[in-house]
């Protein structure tokens, strides 16, 4: 985004991020339900809870900025979750395939964060919140990349 974007445009971007964060929460929940390895299941449940916390923080930020938070998930995410189900069925619920899909989802989330962080119109508190969340997603993404090599 460029200098001078309106508060409405920032709210739209935050709502998109909120929707995608909820998607990540549900995606990790779905992943936890489909893996066999108990350590992976615990990791995915922890990531799902983290994304739920992120969604609550973004929801509060949208309200603070005078907006109405989105309450739905995206069609893309619904298709993504369906894809996880299809892929896990085809691969016999392969833990590796599920880890790869989580890594891909985190990569998309990082792209979403990068996009909104380009805005020079973000309030400092909003930027700080998003940077903190992005760092934690980067850490999760790196973990998924390492796990994909060993699962």
C-alpha atoms as a PDB file:
ATOM      1  CA  UNK A   1       0.000   0.000   0.000  1.00  0.00           C
ATOM      2  CA  UNK A   2       1.089   3.558  -0.541  1.00  0.00           C
ATOM      3  CA  UNK A   3       1.258   6.641   1.592  1.00  0.00           C
ATOM      4  CA  UNK A   4      -2.132   8.172   2.274  1.00  0.00           C
ATOM      5  CA  UNK A   5      -4.284   5.051   2.338  1.00  0.00           C
ATOM      6  CA  UNK A   6      -7.493   5.710   4.222  1.00  0.00           C
ATOM      7  CA  UNK A   7      -8.483   4.199   7.535  1.00  0.00           C
ATOM      8  CA  UNK A   8     -11.163   2.264   5.619  1.00  0.00           C
ATOM      9  CA  UNK A   9      -8.543   0.655   3.414  1.00  0.00           C
ATOM     10  CA  UNK A  10      -6.448  -0.266   6.469  1.00  0.00           C
ATOM     11  CA  UNK A  11      -9.545  -1.774   8.095  1.00  0.00           C
ATOM     12  CA  UNK A  12     -10.246  -3.776   4.930  1.00  0.00           C
ATOM     13  CA  UNK A  13      -6.695  -5.129   4.979  1.00  0.00           C
ATOM     14  CA  UNK A  14      -6.925  -5.950   8.680  1.00  0.00           C
ATOM     15  CA  UNK A  15     -10.245  -7.727   8.127  1.00  0.00           C
ATOM     16  CA  UNK A  16      -8.702  -9.764   5.325  1.00  0.00           C
ATOM     17  CA  UNK A  17      -5.835 -10.654   7.661  1.00  0.00           C
ATOM     18  CA  UNK A  18      -8.355 -11.505  10.398  1.00  0.00           C
ATOM     19  CA  UNK A  19     -10.222 -13.848   8.059  1.00  0.00           C
ATOM     20  CA  UNK A  20      -7.010 -15.541   6.946  1.00  0.00           C
ATOM     21  CA  UNK A  21      -5.815 -15.846  10.555  1.00  0.00           C
ATOM     22  CA  UNK A  22      -9.038 -17.645  11.451  1.00  0.00           C
ATOM     23  CA  UNK A  23      -8.431 -19.815   8.389  1.00  0.00           C
ATOM     24  CA  UNK A  24      -5.014 -20.713   9.794  1.00  0.00           C
ATOM     25  CA  UNK A  25      -6.551 -21.550  13.160  1.00  0.00           C
ATOM     26  CA  UNK A  26      -9.002 -23.928  11.511  1.00  0.00           C
ATOM     27  CA  UNK A  27      -6.355 -25.300   9.142  1.00  0.00           C
ATOM     28  CA  UNK A  28      -4.058 -26.249  12.014  1.00  0.00           C
ATOM     29  CA  UNK A  29      -7.034 -27.792  13.848  1.00  0.00           C
ATOM     30  CA  UNK A  30      -7.778 -29.843  10.738  1.00  0.00           C
ATOM     31  CA  UNK A  31      -4.116 -30.843  10.491  1.00  0.00           C
ATOM     32  CA  UNK A  32      -4.123 -31.972  14.144  1.00  0.00           C
ATOM     33  CA  UNK A  33      -7.152 -34.149  13.459  1.00  0.00           C
ATOM     34  CA  UNK A  34      -5.464 -35.823  10.496  1.00  0.00           C
ATOM     35  CA  UNK A  35      -1.931 -36.604  11.715  1.00  0.00           C
ATOM     36  CA  UNK A  36      -0.981 -39.841  13.402  1.00  0.00           C
ATOM     37  CA  UNK A  37       2.096 -38.608  15.292  1.00  0.00           C
ATOM     38  CA  UNK A  38       1.131 -37.367  18.770  1.00  0.00           C
ATOM     39  CA  UNK A  39       3.911 -34.772  18.877  1.00  0.00           C
ATOM     40  CA  UNK A  40       2.740 -33.301  15.567  1.00  0.00           C
ATOM     41  CA  UNK A  41      -0.837 -33.327  16.849  1.00  0.00           C
ATOM     42  CA  UNK A  42       0.261 -31.345  19.945  1.00  0.00           C
ATOM     43  CA  UNK A  43       2.287 -28.915  17.813  1.00  0.00           C
ATOM     44  CA  UNK A  44      -0.612 -28.331  15.425  1.00  0.00           C
ATOM     45  CA  UNK A  45      -3.057 -27.793  18.301  1.00  0.00           C
ATOM     46  CA  UNK A  46      -0.669 -25.241  19.833  1.00  0.00           C
ATOM     47  CA  UNK A  47      -0.389 -23.447  16.472  1.00  0.00           C
ATOM     48  CA  UNK A  48      -4.187 -23.468  16.148  1.00  0.00           C
ATOM     49  CA  UNK A  49      -4.532 -21.884  19.599  1.00  0.00           C
ATOM     50  CA  UNK A  50      -1.877 -19.299  18.702  1.00  0.00           C
ATOM     51  CA  UNK A  51      -3.731 -18.333  15.522  1.00  0.00           C
ATOM     52  CA  UNK A  52      -6.923 -18.054  17.597  1.00  0.00           C
ATOM     53  CA  UNK A  53      -5.129 -15.626  19.919  1.00  0.00           C
ATOM     54  CA  UNK A  54      -3.845 -13.668  16.907  1.00  0.00           C
ATOM     55  CA  UNK A  55      -7.391 -13.458  15.533  1.00  0.00           C
ATOM     56  CA  UNK A  56      -8.671 -12.069  18.847  1.00  0.00           C
ATOM     57  CA  UNK A  57      -5.895  -9.462  18.845  1.00  0.00           C
ATOM     58  CA  UNK A  58      -6.633  -8.404  15.264  1.00  0.00           C
ATOM     59  CA  UNK A  59     -10.372  -8.340  16.063  1.00  0.00           C
ATOM     60  CA  UNK A  60      -9.660  -5.963  18.976  1.00  0.00           C
ATOM     61  CA  UNK A  61      -7.422  -3.810  16.770  1.00  0.00           C
ATOM     62  CA  UNK A  62     -10.150  -3.503  14.118  1.00  0.00           C
ATOM     63  CA  UNK A  63     -12.620  -2.422  16.831  1.00  0.00           C
ATOM     64  CA  UNK A  64     -10.086   0.040  18.284  1.00  0.00           C
ATOM     65  CA  UNK A  65      -9.732   1.619  14.839  1.00  0.00           C
ATOM     66  CA  UNK A  66     -13.517   1.975  14.597  1.00  0.00           C
ATOM     67  CA  UNK A  67     -14.215  -0.947  12.299  1.00  0.00           C
ATOM     68  CA  UNK A  68     -16.468  -3.979  12.373  1.00  0.00           C
ATOM     69  CA  UNK A  69     -14.459  -7.221  12.453  1.00  0.00           C
ATOM     70  CA  UNK A  70     -15.179  -9.917   9.872  1.00  0.00           C
ATOM     71  CA  UNK A  71     -16.773 -13.005  11.390  1.00  0.00           C
ATOM     72  CA  UNK A  72     -16.345 -15.529   8.583  1.00  0.00           C
ATOM     73  CA  UNK A  73     -13.662 -17.649   6.987  1.00  0.00           C
ATOM     74  CA  UNK A  74     -12.694 -17.219   3.369  1.00  0.00           C
ATOM     75  CA  UNK A  75     -13.882 -19.331   0.472  1.00  0.00           C
ATOM     76  CA  UNK A  76     -10.225 -19.911  -0.362  1.00  0.00           C
ATOM     77  CA  UNK A  77      -9.682 -21.329   3.120  1.00  0.00           C
ATOM     78  CA  UNK A  78     -12.733 -23.550   2.851  1.00  0.00           C
ATOM     79  CA  UNK A  79     -11.282 -24.914  -0.381  1.00  0.00           C
ATOM     80  CA  UNK A  80      -7.858 -25.198   1.285  1.00  0.00           C
ATOM     81  CA  UNK A  81      -9.314 -27.256   4.157  1.00  0.00           C
ATOM     82  CA  UNK A  82     -11.167 -29.421   1.658  1.00  0.00           C
ATOM     83  CA  UNK A  83      -7.872 -29.872  -0.171  1.00  0.00           C
ATOM     84  CA  UNK A  84      -6.216 -31.025   3.061  1.00  0.00           C
ATOM     85  CA  UNK A  85      -8.986 -33.598   3.462  1.00  0.00           C
ATOM     86  CA  UNK A  86      -8.635 -34.812  -0.120  1.00  0.00           C
ATOM     87  CA  UNK A  87      -4.849 -34.911  -0.009  1.00  0.00           C
ATOM     88  CA  UNK A  88      -4.752 -36.697   3.354  1.00  0.00           C
ATOM     89  CA  UNK A  89      -7.223 -39.284   2.048  1.00  0.00           C
ATOM     90  CA  UNK A  90      -5.205 -39.845  -1.123  1.00  0.00           C
ATOM     91  CA  UNK A  91      -1.913 -40.074   0.733  1.00  0.00           C
ATOM     92  CA  UNK A  92      -3.320 -42.230   3.505  1.00  0.00           C
ATOM     93  CA  UNK A  93      -3.206 -39.319   5.956  1.00  0.00           C
ATOM     94  CA  UNK A  94       0.502 -38.847   5.362  1.00  0.00           C
ATOM     95  CA  UNK A  95       1.933 -36.734   8.153  1.00  0.00           C
ATOM     96  CA  UNK A  96       4.548 -35.397   5.726  1.00  0.00           C
ATOM     97  CA  UNK A  97       1.869 -34.167   3.295  1.00  0.00           C
ATOM     98  CA  UNK A  98       0.013 -32.451   6.136  1.00  0.00           C
ATOM     99  CA  UNK A  99       3.211 -30.775   7.417  1.00  0.00           C
ATOM    100  CA  UNK A 100       3.930 -29.573   3.859  1.00  0.00           C
ATOM    101  CA  UNK A 101       0.442 -28.112   3.623  1.00  0.00           C
ATOM    102  CA  UNK A 102       0.847 -26.314   6.967  1.00  0.00           C
ATOM    103  CA  UNK A 103       4.158 -24.915   5.752  1.00  0.00           C
ATOM    104  CA  UNK A 104       2.431 -23.655   2.612  1.00  0.00           C
ATOM    105  CA  UNK A 105      -0.345 -22.076   4.686  1.00  0.00           C
ATOM    106  CA  UNK A 106       2.179 -20.294   6.898  1.00  0.00           C
ATOM    107  CA  UNK A 107       3.994 -19.055   3.790  1.00  0.00           C
ATOM    108  CA  UNK A 108       0.735 -17.527   2.559  1.00  0.00           C
ATOM    109  CA  UNK A 109       0.145 -15.946   5.962  1.00  0.00           C
ATOM    110  CA  UNK A 110       3.606 -14.363   5.838  1.00  0.00           C
ATOM    111  CA  UNK A 111       2.793 -12.908   2.410  1.00  0.00           C
ATOM    112  CA  UNK A 112      -0.420 -11.439   3.870  1.00  0.00           C
ATOM    113  CA  UNK A 113       1.487  -9.843   6.745  1.00  0.00           C
ATOM    114  CA  UNK A 114       4.151  -8.446   4.402  1.00  0.00           C
ATOM    115  CA  UNK A 115       1.469  -6.853   2.269  1.00  0.00           C
ATOM    116  CA  UNK A 116      -0.269  -4.997   5.091  1.00  0.00           C
ATOM    117  CA  UNK A 117       3.045  -4.022   6.714  1.00  0.00           C
ATOM    118  CA  UNK A 118       3.996  -2.159   3.512  1.00  0.00           C
ATOM    119  CA  UNK A 119       1.458   0.482   4.464  1.00  0.00           C
ATOM    120  CA  UNK A 120       2.926   3.674   5.814  1.00  0.00           C
ATOM    121  CA  UNK A 121      -0.519   4.567   7.211  1.00  0.00           C
ATOM    122  CA  UNK A 122      -0.527   1.941   9.965  1.00  0.00           C
ATOM    123  CA  UNK A 123      -0.643   3.252  13.501  1.00  0.00           C
ATOM    124  CA  UNK A 124       2.470   2.350  15.490  1.00  0.00           C
ATOM    125  CA  UNK A 125       0.485   0.060  17.811  1.00  0.00           C
ATOM    126  CA  UNK A 126      -1.024  -1.801  14.850  1.00  0.00           C
ATOM    127  CA  UNK A 127       2.385  -2.185  13.190  1.00  0.00           C
ATOM    128  CA  UNK A 128       3.892  -3.473  16.447  1.00  0.00           C
ATOM    129  CA  UNK A 129       1.097  -6.041  16.860  1.00  0.00           C
ATOM    130  CA  UNK A 130       1.462  -7.284  13.281  1.00  0.00           C
ATOM    131  CA  UNK A 131       5.257  -7.456  13.448  1.00  0.00           C
ATOM    132  CA  UNK A 132       5.082  -9.529  16.650  1.00  0.00           C
ATOM    133  CA  UNK A 133       2.562 -11.915  15.100  1.00  0.00           C
ATOM    134  CA  UNK A 134       4.578 -12.150  11.885  1.00  0.00           C
ATOM    135  CA  UNK A 135       7.713 -13.129  13.840  1.00  0.00           C
ATOM    136  CA  UNK A 136       5.856 -15.976  15.511  1.00  0.00           C
ATOM    137  CA  UNK A 137       4.480 -17.181  12.174  1.00  0.00           C
ATOM    138  CA  UNK A 138       8.003 -17.029  10.706  1.00  0.00           C
ATOM    139  CA  UNK A 139       9.132 -19.267  13.554  1.00  0.00           C
ATOM    140  CA  UNK A 140       6.278 -21.715  12.898  1.00  0.00           C
ATOM    141  CA  UNK A 141       7.043 -21.665   9.165  1.00  0.00           C
ATOM    142  CA  UNK A 142      10.696 -22.504   9.849  1.00  0.00           C
ATOM    143  CA  UNK A 143       9.603 -25.341  12.157  1.00  0.00           C
ATOM    144  CA  UNK A 144       7.297 -26.745   9.467  1.00  0.00           C
ATOM    145  CA  UNK A 145      10.146 -26.573   6.937  1.00  0.00           C
ATOM    146  CA  UNK A 146      12.444 -28.508   9.304  1.00  0.00           C
ATOM    147  CA  UNK A 147       9.717 -31.042  10.102  1.00  0.00           C
ATOM    148  CA  UNK A 148       8.957 -31.601   6.420  1.00  0.00           C
ATOM    149  CA  UNK A 149      12.535 -32.833   6.017  1.00  0.00           C
ATOM    150  CA  UNK A 150      12.309 -35.375   8.838  1.00  0.00           C
ATOM    151  CA  UNK A 151       8.710 -36.619   8.844  1.00  0.00           C
END
